[in-house]
Amino acid sequence: MSAASDAARSNTVLVVDDEPAILDYLSQVLEMEGYDCRCFEDSKTALAYLSESQADADLMLTDINMPEVDGLQLLRTVKDVRPELPIILVSGLYELAIALEALESGADDYLKKPVRPADVITAVTKYLHGNSDEQEAAVREALGEYVAAQGADPRTSEHIAAVFNQLGFRRYETFQHSKRVAAYCRLLGEQCGLAGEALDHLEVGALLHDIGKIGIPRNVLLKPGPLTDEEWTVMRSHPSIGHRLMARFEELTQESDIVHAHHERFDGEGYPQGLAGEAIPLGARLFSIVDTLDAITSDRPYRKGASFQTAREEIRKMSGSQFDPKIVESFLAIPTDKLDAVRRKYPDKPPNPETLAFQA
């Protein structure tokens, strides 16, 4: 048995699923890694177990679609009693409303069935033996530094902090890409004649553009290979999730519009609403250009980042199809040294599977 498995032996994982075959599968995967499993075919039995004062429980895996008390009800009840207990949903169900309810009910993570053994172990290890607390602390520190730099408008700082405090940090695991596209957006906004609060709204919207990915199942978000059509449908829900999550902040209406529309295309072939032309919010039209700029010039596991000149040429080719032609003209007028200054200020961290998902 590996050292990792030896370390895992002291941890108790509760597995709740009304399908015996899946219950057996998940418990066998975990037990092979040395975890002690407690299996339950319904939520009521799991709750009865947790009501015992000496009940061991370090993490819970639960299905959603179960009779009588479903997984979301179980999630809410357990979080009221044991808020510190990590809960990972493992379900074949995935809809926008379910994802939102899971987030709002306190789910720590989400895996979509069918789930590979490696996905189960990676998710469980993250919360029991990983560095999730360190990652959260690192994001908090980076956020604090960014917020401090927004001293010209304290309201902007308060709004950013409010979103992150409300939605949590654990699934938003990289910040460099977001800070970089926010800075690029501000440059492009200035080039287009924006100033004052309009620039602040643009920058914050760019910073939070992928916040909806906290609601995407981990094994879809971090899948190493090509996504299936069903998985693409799931992935493409993240702008709507982000928009809905931010809608609770009345002060962030313009920012949430950017989040909602950041994958729309000028020709109407984007998602989730299929908006076209000037029906796409201005901030989202600006953002889509700098997001593509960052994608082209950033390193990937399968290629090195290209030059700014290459990115300019690619963006020029997509003028009128993916991008607003007028904004492309403004982008092409930005000196390369200004773009390079942003890249040097917010360099990529060493690639790892946890950070790559938010740089796509």
Protein backbone atom coordinates (compact mmCIF):
# COMPACT_ATOMS: atom_id res chain seq x y z
CA MET A 1 0.00 0.00 0.00
CA SER A 2 1.29 3.48 -0.85
CA ALA A 3 2.27 6.13 1.67
CA ALA A 4 -0.74 8.14 0.46
CA SER A 5 -2.98 5.18 1.24
CA ASP A 6 -1.44 4.76 4.69
CA ALA A 7 -2.18 8.41 5.39
CA ALA A 8 -5.75 7.97 4.19
CA ARG A 9 -6.52 5.03 6.49
CA SER A 10 -7.56 7.22 9.42
CA ASN A 11 -10.17 9.06 7.34
CA THR A 12 -13.83 8.04 7.25
CA VAL A 13 -15.82 8.78 4.09
CA LEU A 14 -19.60 8.52 4.08
CA VAL A 15 -21.03 7.31 0.76
CA VAL A 16 -24.75 7.81 0.12
CA ASP A 17 -26.45 6.45 -3.00
CA ASP A 18 -29.69 4.53 -3.52
CA GLU A 19 -28.15 2.37 -6.28
CA PRO A 20 -26.27 -0.54 -4.66
CA ALA A 21 -23.97 -1.02 -7.66
CA ILE A 22 -22.76 2.59 -7.51
CA LEU A 23 -22.49 2.44 -3.73
CA ASP A 24 -20.26 -0.64 -4.06
CA TYR A 25 -18.21 0.94 -6.84
CA LEU A 26 -17.46 4.17 -4.94
CA SER A 27 -16.69 2.38 -1.68
CA GLN A 28 -14.37 -0.09 -3.41
CA VAL A 29 -12.46 2.73 -5.12
CA LEU A 30 -12.01 4.52 -1.80
CA GLU A 31 -11.19 1.42 0.20
CA MET A 32 -8.47 0.51 -2.31
CA GLU A 33 -6.84 3.79 -1.31
CA GLY A 34 -7.14 2.94 2.36
CA TYR A 35 -10.18 5.04 3.27
CA ASP A 36 -12.67 3.72 5.81
CA CYS A 37 -16.13 3.88 4.18
CA ARG A 38 -19.58 4.00 5.73
CA CYS A 39 -22.21 3.21 3.08
CA PHE A 40 -25.88 4.26 3.14
CA GLU A 41 -28.63 3.57 0.60
CA ASP A 42 -30.75 6.53 1.71
CA SER A 43 -30.34 9.94 3.28
CA LYS A 44 -32.32 9.18 6.44
CA THR A 45 -29.96 6.38 7.46
CA ALA A 46 -26.96 8.64 6.83
CA LEU A 47 -28.50 11.38 8.96
CA ALA A 48 -29.24 8.89 11.72
CA TYR A 49 -25.58 7.86 11.67
CA LEU A 50 -24.41 11.47 11.86
CA SER A 51 -26.74 12.13 14.80
CA GLU A 52 -24.61 9.80 16.93
CA SER A 53 -22.22 11.88 19.03
CA GLN A 54 -19.24 9.61 18.32
CA ALA A 55 -19.94 9.15 14.60
CA ASP A 56 -16.74 9.30 12.53
CA ALA A 57 -17.07 11.39 9.38
CA ASP A 58 -14.35 13.30 7.53
CA LEU A 59 -16.08 13.73 4.15
CA MET A 60 -19.35 12.78 2.44
CA LEU A 61 -20.05 11.67 -1.13
CA THR A 62 -23.75 11.77 -1.97
CA ASP A 63 -26.03 11.24 -4.93
CA ILE A 64 -28.73 13.87 -5.61
CA ASN A 65 -31.67 11.90 -7.02
CA MET A 66 -32.78 9.73 -4.10
CA PRO A 67 -36.26 8.91 -2.74
CA GLU A 68 -37.83 10.71 0.23
CA VAL A 69 -34.87 12.90 1.26
CA ASP A 70 -32.84 13.81 -1.82
CA GLY A 71 -29.16 14.70 -1.88
CA LEU A 72 -29.71 18.45 -1.82
CA GLN A 73 -31.90 18.19 1.27
CA LEU A 74 -29.27 15.96 2.84
CA LEU A 75 -26.60 18.51 1.94
CA ARG A 76 -28.49 21.38 3.59
CA THR A 77 -29.26 19.38 6.73
CA VAL A 78 -25.69 18.17 7.20
CA LYS A 79 -24.24 21.65 6.58
CA ASP A 80 -26.50 23.01 9.33
CA VAL A 81 -25.23 20.40 11.79
CA ARG A 82 -21.64 19.94 10.61
CA PRO A 83 -20.72 22.94 8.46
CA GLU A 84 -17.06 21.94 8.40
CA LEU A 85 -17.74 18.52 6.81
CA PRO A 86 -16.75 18.56 3.10
CA ILE A 87 -19.60 17.29 0.90
CA ILE A 88 -19.08 16.22 -2.70
CA LEU A 89 -22.11 15.60 -4.89
CA VAL A 90 -21.75 12.61 -7.23
CA SER A 91 -24.71 12.56 -9.58
CA GLY A 92 -25.89 11.89 -13.10
CA LEU A 93 -28.13 14.93 -12.77
CA TYR A 94 -26.86 18.28 -14.00
CA GLU A 95 -29.08 21.25 -14.71
CA LEU A 96 -28.53 24.94 -14.19
CA ALA A 97 -31.07 25.10 -11.36
CA ILE A 98 -29.52 22.08 -9.64
CA ALA A 99 -26.01 23.52 -9.91
CA LEU A 100 -27.16 26.81 -8.40
CA GLU A 101 -29.05 25.14 -5.59
CA ALA A 102 -26.04 22.94 -4.81
CA LEU A 103 -23.76 25.98 -4.60
CA GLU A 104 -26.18 27.94 -2.47
CA SER A 105 -26.67 24.95 -0.18
CA GLY A 106 -22.95 24.70 0.52
CA ALA A 107 -21.68 21.88 -1.74
CA ASP A 108 -17.91 21.77 -1.70
CA ASP A 109 -17.57 19.98 -5.01
CA TYR A 110 -19.50 18.19 -7.76
CA LEU A 111 -18.70 15.09 -9.83
CA LYS A 112 -20.88 14.03 -12.74
CA LYS A 113 -21.61 10.36 -13.33
CA PRO A 114 -20.11 8.30 -14.84
CA VAL A 115 -17.10 9.06 -12.71
CA ARG A 116 -13.66 7.50 -13.10
CA PRO A 117 -11.78 6.15 -10.07
CA ALA A 118 -9.10 8.81 -10.56
CA ASP A 119 -11.75 11.56 -10.40
CA VAL A 120 -13.10 10.22 -7.11
CA ILE A 121 -9.66 9.90 -5.53
CA THR A 122 -8.51 13.32 -6.75
CA ALA A 123 -11.59 15.06 -5.35
CA VAL A 124 -11.49 13.28 -2.00
CA THR A 125 -7.73 13.73 -1.64
CA LYS A 126 -8.05 17.44 -2.27
CA TYR A 127 -10.24 17.93 0.78
CA LEU A 128 -8.66 15.36 3.09
CA HIS A 129 -4.97 15.41 2.20
CA GLY A 130 -4.56 18.18 -0.32
CA ASN A 131 -3.69 21.83 -0.09
CA SER A 132 -7.18 23.29 -0.53
CA ASP A 133 -6.69 25.53 2.52
CA GLU A 134 -3.38 26.73 1.11
CA GLN A 135 -4.97 27.36 -2.30
CA GLU A 136 -7.80 29.27 -0.66
CA ALA A 137 -5.33 31.33 1.35
CA ALA A 138 -3.32 32.07 -1.80
CA VAL A 139 -6.41 33.27 -3.65
CA ARG A 140 -7.43 35.40 -0.66
CA GLU A 141 -3.97 36.95 -0.58
CA ALA A 142 -4.00 37.63 -4.32
CA LEU A 143 -7.49 39.10 -4.05
CA GLY A 144 -6.40 41.31 -1.17
CA GLU A 145 -3.48 42.63 -3.19
CA TYR A 146 -5.71 43.28 -6.18
CA VAL A 147 -8.40 44.96 -4.09
CA ALA A 148 -5.81 47.16 -2.39
CA ALA A 149 -4.70 48.37 -5.81
CA GLN A 150 -8.23 49.63 -6.53
CA GLY A 151 -7.89 52.42 -3.97
CA ALA A 152 -9.24 55.03 -6.38
CA ASP A 153 -12.72 53.58 -5.98
CA PRO A 154 -13.35 51.85 -2.62
CA ARG A 155 -16.76 50.66 -3.85
CA THR A 156 -15.07 48.52 -6.48
CA SER A 157 -12.98 46.85 -3.80
CA GLU A 158 -16.02 46.21 -1.63
CA HIS A 159 -17.94 44.68 -4.51
CA ILE A 160 -15.13 42.29 -5.47
CA ALA A 161 -14.69 41.19 -1.86
CA ALA A 162 -18.45 40.73 -1.46
CA VAL A 163 -18.67 38.38 -4.44
CA PHE A 164 -15.80 36.22 -3.27
CA ASN A 165 -16.95 36.14 0.34
CA GLN A 166 -20.45 35.15 -0.75
CA LEU A 167 -19.43 32.52 -3.29
CA GLY A 168 -16.34 31.15 -1.63
CA PHE A 169 -12.81 30.66 -2.88
CA ARG A 170 -12.27 26.91 -3.12
CA ARG A 171 -13.35 26.37 -6.72
CA TYR A 172 -11.86 29.60 -8.08
CA GLU A 173 -8.32 28.29 -8.09
CA THR A 174 -6.32 30.60 -10.28
CA PHE A 175 -6.14 34.36 -10.26
CA GLN A 176 -3.34 35.33 -12.64
CA HIS A 177 -5.35 34.83 -15.84
CA SER A 178 -8.26 36.80 -14.39
CA LYS A 179 -6.08 39.68 -13.22
CA ARG A 180 -4.34 39.74 -16.58
CA VAL A 181 -7.51 39.91 -18.70
CA ALA A 182 -8.91 42.55 -16.32
CA ALA A 183 -5.82 44.69 -16.93
CA TYR A 184 -5.99 44.10 -20.70
CA CYS A 185 -9.67 45.08 -20.59
CA ARG A 186 -8.87 48.34 -18.86
CA LEU A 187 -6.27 49.12 -21.53
CA LEU A 188 -8.74 48.39 -24.32
CA GLY A 189 -11.50 50.32 -22.57
CA GLU A 190 -9.27 53.36 -22.32
CA GLN A 191 -8.36 52.99 -25.99
CA CYS A 192 -12.09 52.97 -26.80
CA GLY A 193 -12.69 56.17 -24.81
CA LEU A 194 -14.14 54.73 -21.59
CA ALA A 195 -13.27 56.40 -18.30
CA GLY A 196 -14.16 56.50 -14.61
CA GLU A 197 -16.84 54.11 -13.38
CA ALA A 198 -17.28 52.58 -16.83
CA LEU A 199 -13.68 51.34 -16.67
CA ASP A 200 -14.16 50.05 -13.13
CA HIS A 201 -17.25 48.05 -14.15
CA LEU A 202 -15.36 46.65 -17.13
CA GLU A 203 -12.35 45.62 -15.04
CA VAL A 204 -14.41 43.91 -12.34
CA GLY A 205 -16.56 42.09 -14.92
CA ALA A 206 -13.39 40.81 -16.60
CA LEU A 207 -11.91 39.78 -13.25
CA LEU A 208 -14.99 37.69 -12.43
CA HIS A 209 -15.75 36.40 -15.93
CA ASP A 210 -15.34 32.71 -15.09
CA ILE A 211 -16.85 32.76 -11.58
CA GLY A 212 -19.63 30.48 -12.88
CA LYS A 213 -17.13 27.63 -13.26
CA ILE A 214 -17.42 27.03 -9.52
CA GLY A 215 -20.71 25.30 -10.42
CA ILE A 216 -19.30 22.97 -13.08
CA PRO A 217 -18.63 19.34 -12.05
CA ARG A 218 -14.92 18.87 -11.33
CA ASN A 219 -14.49 15.89 -13.66
CA VAL A 220 -15.97 17.90 -16.55
CA LEU A 221 -14.04 21.09 -15.77
CA LEU A 222 -10.70 19.30 -15.43
CA LYS A 223 -11.22 16.50 -17.95
CA PRO A 224 -7.87 15.83 -19.63
CA GLY A 225 -9.34 14.70 -22.96
CA PRO A 226 -11.98 16.07 -25.36
CA LEU A 227 -15.43 16.76 -23.93
CA THR A 228 -18.49 14.88 -25.15
CA ASP A 229 -21.46 16.81 -26.52
CA GLU A 230 -23.22 16.39 -23.18
CA GLU A 231 -20.16 17.65 -21.30
CA TRP A 232 -19.92 20.67 -23.59
CA THR A 233 -23.53 21.46 -22.77
CA VAL A 234 -22.63 21.32 -19.08
CA MET A 235 -19.51 23.47 -19.57
CA ARG A 236 -21.43 26.07 -21.54
CA SER A 237 -23.72 26.68 -18.59
CA HIS A 238 -20.99 28.51 -16.66
CA PRO A 239 -21.82 32.02 -17.97
CA SER A 240 -25.44 31.58 -16.87
CA ILE A 241 -24.35 30.24 -13.48
CA GLY A 242 -22.05 33.21 -12.97
CA HIS A 243 -24.74 35.67 -14.02
CA ARG A 244 -27.30 34.15 -11.66
CA LEU A 245 -24.87 34.07 -8.75
CA MET A 246 -23.91 37.72 -9.24
CA ALA A 247 -27.50 38.88 -9.74
CA ARG A 248 -27.92 39.07 -5.97
CA PHE A 249 -25.56 42.08 -5.94
CA GLU A 250 -27.56 45.00 -7.33
CA GLU A 251 -24.40 47.09 -7.62
CA LEU A 252 -22.86 44.58 -10.04
CA THR A 253 -25.46 44.63 -12.83
CA GLN A 254 -23.01 45.70 -15.54
CA GLU A 255 -20.39 43.25 -14.32
CA SER A 256 -22.87 40.36 -14.29
CA ASP A 257 -23.86 41.25 -17.87
CA ILE A 258 -20.21 40.84 -18.90
CA VAL A 259 -20.06 37.49 -17.09
CA HIS A 260 -23.25 36.34 -18.83
CA ALA A 261 -22.19 37.38 -22.34
CA HIS A 262 -18.44 36.77 -22.37
CA HIS A 263 -18.78 33.80 -24.76
CA GLU A 264 -21.14 35.51 -27.22
CA ARG A 265 -19.89 36.19 -30.76
CA PHE A 266 -20.48 39.24 -32.93
CA ASP A 267 -22.01 37.01 -35.64
CA GLY A 268 -24.52 35.49 -33.20
CA GLU A 269 -22.88 32.04 -33.10
CA GLY A 270 -21.84 32.24 -29.44
CA TYR A 271 -23.55 31.15 -26.21
CA PRO A 272 -25.54 31.04 -23.98
CA GLN A 273 -28.04 33.47 -25.54
CA GLY A 274 -26.88 33.66 -29.16
CA LEU A 275 -26.69 37.46 -29.06
CA ALA A 276 -25.29 39.29 -32.09
CA GLY A 277 -23.77 42.66 -32.89
CA GLU A 278 -24.47 45.51 -30.51
CA ALA A 279 -27.04 43.41 -28.66
CA ILE A 280 -23.98 42.00 -26.88
CA PRO A 281 -23.07 44.29 -23.95
CA LEU A 282 -20.11 46.53 -24.80
CA GLY A 283 -18.06 45.16 -21.92
CA ALA A 284 -18.48 41.60 -23.18
CA ARG A 285 -17.48 42.65 -26.72
CA LEU A 286 -14.33 44.21 -25.30
CA PHE A 287 -13.62 41.24 -23.07
CA SER A 288 -13.90 38.60 -25.80
CA ILE A 289 -10.97 40.18 -27.65
CA VAL A 290 -8.61 40.30 -24.69
CA ASP A 291 -9.62 36.81 -23.59
CA THR A 292 -8.59 35.51 -27.00
CA LEU A 293 -5.39 37.56 -26.78
CA ASP A 294 -4.53 35.90 -23.48
CA ALA A 295 -5.42 32.42 -24.74
CA ILE A 296 -3.14 32.77 -27.76
CA THR A 297 -0.19 34.25 -25.86
CA SER A 298 -0.36 31.92 -22.81
CA ASP A 299 1.54 28.64 -22.53
CA ARG A 300 -0.43 25.40 -22.65
CA PRO A 301 0.70 21.85 -21.89
CA TYR A 302 0.56 21.08 -25.62
CA ARG A 303 2.13 24.30 -26.97
CA LYS A 304 4.07 27.44 -26.11
CA GLY A 305 2.29 30.77 -26.07
CA ALA A 306 2.47 32.71 -29.34
CA SER A 307 3.69 36.28 -29.80
CA PHE A 308 1.51 39.36 -29.49
CA GLN A 309 1.97 39.90 -33.22
CA THR A 310 0.55 36.44 -33.94
CA ALA A 311 -2.37 37.17 -31.63
CA ARG A 312 -3.03 40.48 -33.38
CA GLU A 313 -3.18 38.74 -36.76
CA GLU A 314 -5.55 36.05 -35.48
CA ILE A 315 -7.85 38.64 -33.93
CA ARG A 316 -7.78 40.71 -37.14
CA LYS A 317 -8.91 37.62 -39.10
CA MET A 318 -11.92 37.18 -36.78
CA SER A 319 -13.05 40.80 -37.05
CA GLY A 320 -16.71 40.87 -38.03
CA SER A 321 -17.28 37.21 -37.16
CA GLN A 322 -16.21 36.64 -33.58
CA PHE A 323 -15.38 40.26 -32.74
CA ASP A 324 -16.82 43.75 -33.17
CA PRO A 325 -14.81 45.32 -36.06
CA LYS A 326 -14.71 48.78 -34.45
CA ILE A 327 -13.30 47.39 -31.21
CA VAL A 328 -10.77 45.31 -33.13
CA GLU A 329 -9.49 48.53 -34.73
CA SER A 330 -9.05 50.06 -31.27
CA PHE A 331 -7.31 46.93 -29.99
CA LEU A 332 -4.84 46.91 -32.90
CA ALA A 333 -3.89 50.49 -32.01
CA ILE A 334 -2.64 49.53 -28.53
CA PRO A 335 1.19 49.50 -28.48
CA THR A 336 2.71 46.08 -27.92
CA ASP A 337 4.85 47.35 -25.03
CA LYS A 338 1.68 48.13 -23.03
CA LEU A 339 0.35 44.62 -23.56
CA ASP A 340 3.73 43.17 -22.66
CA ALA A 341 3.78 45.19 -19.44
CA VAL A 342 0.55 43.51 -18.36
CA ARG A 343 1.92 40.06 -19.20
CA ARG A 344 5.06 40.74 -17.14
CA LYS A 345 3.07 42.11 -14.20
CA TYR A 346 0.84 39.02 -14.01
CA PRO A 347 2.95 36.07 -15.21
CA ASP A 348 1.60 32.55 -15.44
CA LYS A 349 2.20 30.33 -12.46
CA PRO A 350 3.71 26.88 -13.10
CA PRO A 351 1.02 24.83 -14.90
CA ASN A 352 -0.90 22.19 -12.95
CA PRO A 353 -4.30 20.54 -13.47
CA GLU A 354 -6.01 22.76 -10.91
CA THR A 355 -5.06 26.03 -12.63
CA LEU A 356 -5.35 25.13 -16.30
CA ALA A 357 -9.13 24.90 -16.30
CA PHE A 358 -9.59 28.58 -15.66
CA GLN A 359 -7.08 29.64 -18.29
CA ALA A 360 -9.07 28.16 -21.18
